[in-house]
């Protein structure tokens, strides 16, 4: 049996149990199938008025988790601090080499 199906069956059997919801969401996150959890909670929200608020709360939790996952995969912009340092070091090296070349030409 699919682990998500199994975890969802536990949620359905004991809707008021927060641990069952947490386990279900944890299984979905572990299997990288978070959208499937959202789909199931949306179906409950739209079809069962008695459980609508609980389903909406769980959807909010899923959105938070998905947002965190996206932030973890986001690339950080490159910093220019080291680039600036390298540019100045190269410029100073060029000046030293040009000075040495002028001295060698002046002596020769």
C-alpha atoms as a PDB file:
ATOM      1  CA  UNK A   1       0.000   0.000   0.000  1.00  0.00           C
ATOM      2  CA  UNK A   2       1.144   3.550  -0.776  1.00  0.00           C
ATOM      3  CA  UNK A   3       2.487   5.225   2.409  1.00  0.00           C
ATOM      4  CA  UNK A   4       0.523   8.381   1.624  1.00  0.00           C
ATOM      5  CA  UNK A   5      -2.702   6.387   1.280  1.00  0.00           C
ATOM      6  CA  UNK A   6      -1.969   4.685   4.583  1.00  0.00           C
ATOM      7  CA  UNK A   7      -1.245   7.968   6.393  1.00  0.00           C
ATOM      8  CA  UNK A   8      -4.338   9.604   4.878  1.00  0.00           C
ATOM      9  CA  UNK A   9      -6.503   6.695   6.030  1.00  0.00           C
ATOM     10  CA  UNK A  10      -5.293   7.379   9.582  1.00  0.00           C
ATOM     11  CA  UNK A  11      -6.176  11.058   9.196  1.00  0.00           C
ATOM     12  CA  UNK A  12      -9.636  10.213   7.917  1.00  0.00           C
ATOM     13  CA  UNK A  13     -10.176   7.705  10.755  1.00  0.00           C
ATOM     14  CA  UNK A  14      -9.189  10.220  13.443  1.00  0.00           C
ATOM     15  CA  UNK A  15      -9.636  13.689  11.936  1.00  0.00           C
ATOM     16  CA  UNK A  16      -9.277  15.538  15.241  1.00  0.00           C
ATOM     17  CA  UNK A  17      -5.872  14.009  16.013  1.00  0.00           C
ATOM     18  CA  UNK A  18      -3.128  16.555  15.232  1.00  0.00           C
ATOM     19  CA  UNK A  19      -0.474  13.837  15.318  1.00  0.00           C
ATOM     20  CA  UNK A  20      -2.208  12.004  12.477  1.00  0.00           C
ATOM     21  CA  UNK A  21      -2.145  15.193  10.393  1.00  0.00           C
ATOM     22  CA  UNK A  22       1.518  15.804  11.234  1.00  0.00           C
ATOM     23  CA  UNK A  23       2.466  12.254  10.275  1.00  0.00           C
ATOM     24  CA  UNK A  24       0.573  12.544   6.995  1.00  0.00           C
ATOM     25  CA  UNK A  25       2.251  15.823   6.087  1.00  0.00           C
ATOM     26  CA  UNK A  26       5.623  14.401   7.182  1.00  0.00           C
ATOM     27  CA  UNK A  27       5.188  11.402   4.873  1.00  0.00           C
ATOM     28  CA  UNK A  28       4.277  13.722   1.990  1.00  0.00           C
ATOM     29  CA  UNK A  29       7.333  15.901   2.637  1.00  0.00           C
ATOM     30  CA  UNK A  30       9.624  12.866   2.921  1.00  0.00           C
ATOM     31  CA  UNK A  31       8.354  11.473  -0.379  1.00  0.00           C
ATOM     32  CA  UNK A  32       8.479  14.914  -2.042  1.00  0.00           C
ATOM     33  CA  UNK A  33       4.725  14.749  -2.743  1.00  0.00           C
ATOM     34  CA  UNK A  34       3.513  17.824  -0.882  1.00  0.00           C
ATOM     35  CA  UNK A  35       1.094  18.855  -3.679  1.00  0.00           C
ATOM     36  CA  UNK A  36      -0.777  15.608  -3.142  1.00  0.00           C
ATOM     37  CA  UNK A  37      -1.406  16.557   0.495  1.00  0.00           C
ATOM     38  CA  UNK A  38      -2.749  19.919  -0.654  1.00  0.00           C
ATOM     39  CA  UNK A  39      -5.082  18.221  -3.096  1.00  0.00           C
ATOM     40  CA  UNK A  40      -6.545  15.974  -0.399  1.00  0.00           C
ATOM     41  CA  UNK A  41      -7.077  18.814   2.065  1.00  0.00           C
ATOM     42  CA  UNK A  42      -8.651  20.973  -0.667  1.00  0.00           C
ATOM     43  CA  UNK A  43     -11.106  18.187  -1.452  1.00  0.00           C
ATOM     44  CA  UNK A  44     -12.113  18.019   2.216  1.00  0.00           C
ATOM     45  CA  UNK A  45     -12.376  21.810   2.458  1.00  0.00           C
ATOM     46  CA  UNK A  46     -14.651  21.976  -0.575  1.00  0.00           C
ATOM     47  CA  UNK A  47     -16.826  18.951   0.176  1.00  0.00           C
ATOM     48  CA  UNK A  48     -17.216  18.769   3.975  1.00  0.00           C
ATOM     49  CA  UNK A  49     -18.453  21.914   5.777  1.00  0.00           C
ATOM     50  CA  UNK A  50     -17.882  20.328   9.195  1.00  0.00           C
ATOM     51  CA  UNK A  51     -14.152  19.878   8.532  1.00  0.00           C
ATOM     52  CA  UNK A  52     -13.659  22.962   6.321  1.00  0.00           C
ATOM     53  CA  UNK A  53     -11.824  25.062   8.937  1.00  0.00           C
ATOM     54  CA  UNK A  54      -9.467  22.259   9.931  1.00  0.00           C
ATOM     55  CA  UNK A  55      -8.670  21.554   6.285  1.00  0.00           C
ATOM     56  CA  UNK A  56      -8.001  25.251   5.644  1.00  0.00           C
ATOM     57  CA  UNK A  57      -5.611  25.317   8.617  1.00  0.00           C
ATOM     58  CA  UNK A  58      -3.742  22.308   7.228  1.00  0.00           C
ATOM     59  CA  UNK A  59      -3.544  23.964   3.809  1.00  0.00           C
ATOM     60  CA  UNK A  60      -1.956  26.994   5.484  1.00  0.00           C
ATOM     61  CA  UNK A  61       0.627  24.691   7.052  1.00  0.00           C
ATOM     62  CA  UNK A  62       1.342  23.132   3.655  1.00  0.00           C
ATOM     63  CA  UNK A  63       1.824  26.550   2.067  1.00  0.00           C
ATOM     64  CA  UNK A  64       4.308  27.464   4.793  1.00  0.00           C
ATOM     65  CA  UNK A  65       6.248  24.234   4.231  1.00  0.00           C
ATOM     66  CA  UNK A  66       6.286  24.701   0.463  1.00  0.00           C
ATOM     67  CA  UNK A  67       7.519  28.276   0.860  1.00  0.00           C
ATOM     68  CA  UNK A  68      10.352  27.132   3.115  1.00  0.00           C
ATOM     69  CA  UNK A  69      11.336  24.468   0.617  1.00  0.00           C
ATOM     70  CA  UNK A  70      11.487  27.069  -2.144  1.00  0.00           C
ATOM     71  CA  UNK A  71      13.584  29.398  -0.007  1.00  0.00           C
ATOM     72  CA  UNK A  72      16.012  26.567   0.704  1.00  0.00           C
ATOM     73  CA  UNK A  73      16.552  26.011  -3.020  1.00  0.00           C
ATOM     74  CA  UNK A  74      16.883  29.690  -3.904  1.00  0.00           C
ATOM     75  CA  UNK A  75      20.276  30.810  -5.194  1.00  0.00           C
ATOM     76  CA  UNK A  76      21.946  33.593  -3.295  1.00  0.00           C
ATOM     77  CA  UNK A  77      23.150  36.521  -5.393  1.00  0.00           C
ATOM     78  CA  UNK A  78      26.906  36.667  -5.813  1.00  0.00           C
ATOM     79  CA  UNK A  79      28.707  39.092  -3.564  1.00  0.00           C
ATOM     80  CA  UNK A  80      30.969  41.720  -5.075  1.00  0.00           C
ATOM     81  CA  UNK A  81      33.185  42.136  -2.021  1.00  0.00           C
ATOM     82  CA  UNK A  82      35.809  39.618  -3.162  1.00  0.00           C
ATOM     83  CA  UNK A  83      35.545  40.759  -6.761  1.00  0.00           C
ATOM     84  CA  UNK A  84      36.415  44.319  -5.720  1.00  0.00           C
ATOM     85  CA  UNK A  85      39.377  43.103  -3.665  1.00  0.00           C
ATOM     86  CA  UNK A  86      40.677  41.068  -6.583  1.00  0.00           C
ATOM     87  CA  UNK A  87      40.329  44.059  -8.925  1.00  0.00           C
ATOM     88  CA  UNK A  88      42.350  46.296  -6.585  1.00  0.00           C
ATOM     89  CA  UNK A  89      45.028  43.625  -6.114  1.00  0.00           C
ATOM     90  CA  UNK A  90      45.358  43.223  -9.896  1.00  0.00           C
ATOM     91  CA  UNK A  91      45.564  47.007 -10.346  1.00  0.00           C
ATOM     92  CA  UNK A  92      48.343  47.335  -7.741  1.00  0.00           C
ATOM     93  CA  UNK A  93      50.226  44.409  -9.293  1.00  0.00           C
ATOM     94  CA  UNK A  94      50.015  46.119 -12.687  1.00  0.00           C
ATOM     95  CA  UNK A  95      51.422  49.354 -11.224  1.00  0.00           C
ATOM     96  CA  UNK A  96      54.342  47.486  -9.635  1.00  0.00           C
ATOM     97  CA  UNK A  97      55.130  45.676 -12.884  1.00  0.00           C
ATOM     98  CA  UNK A  98      54.921  48.891 -14.915  1.00  0.00           C
ATOM     99  CA  UNK A  99      57.227  50.634 -12.419  1.00  0.00           C
ATOM    100  CA  UNK A 100      59.720  47.784 -12.649  1.00  0.00           C
ATOM    101  CA  UNK A 101      59.602  47.925 -16.455  1.00  0.00           C
ATOM    102  CA  UNK A 102      60.217  51.700 -16.440  1.00  0.00           C
ATOM    103  CA  UNK A 103      63.202  51.254 -14.100  1.00  0.00           C
ATOM    104  CA  UNK A 104      64.686  48.523 -16.295  1.00  0.00           C
ATOM    105  CA  UNK A 105      64.267  50.658 -19.419  1.00  0.00           C
ATOM    106  CA  UNK A 106      65.791  53.702 -17.720  1.00  0.00           C
ATOM    107  CA  UNK A 107      68.903  51.769 -16.671  1.00  0.00           C
ATOM    108  CA  UNK A 108      69.380  50.089 -19.998  1.00  0.00           C
END
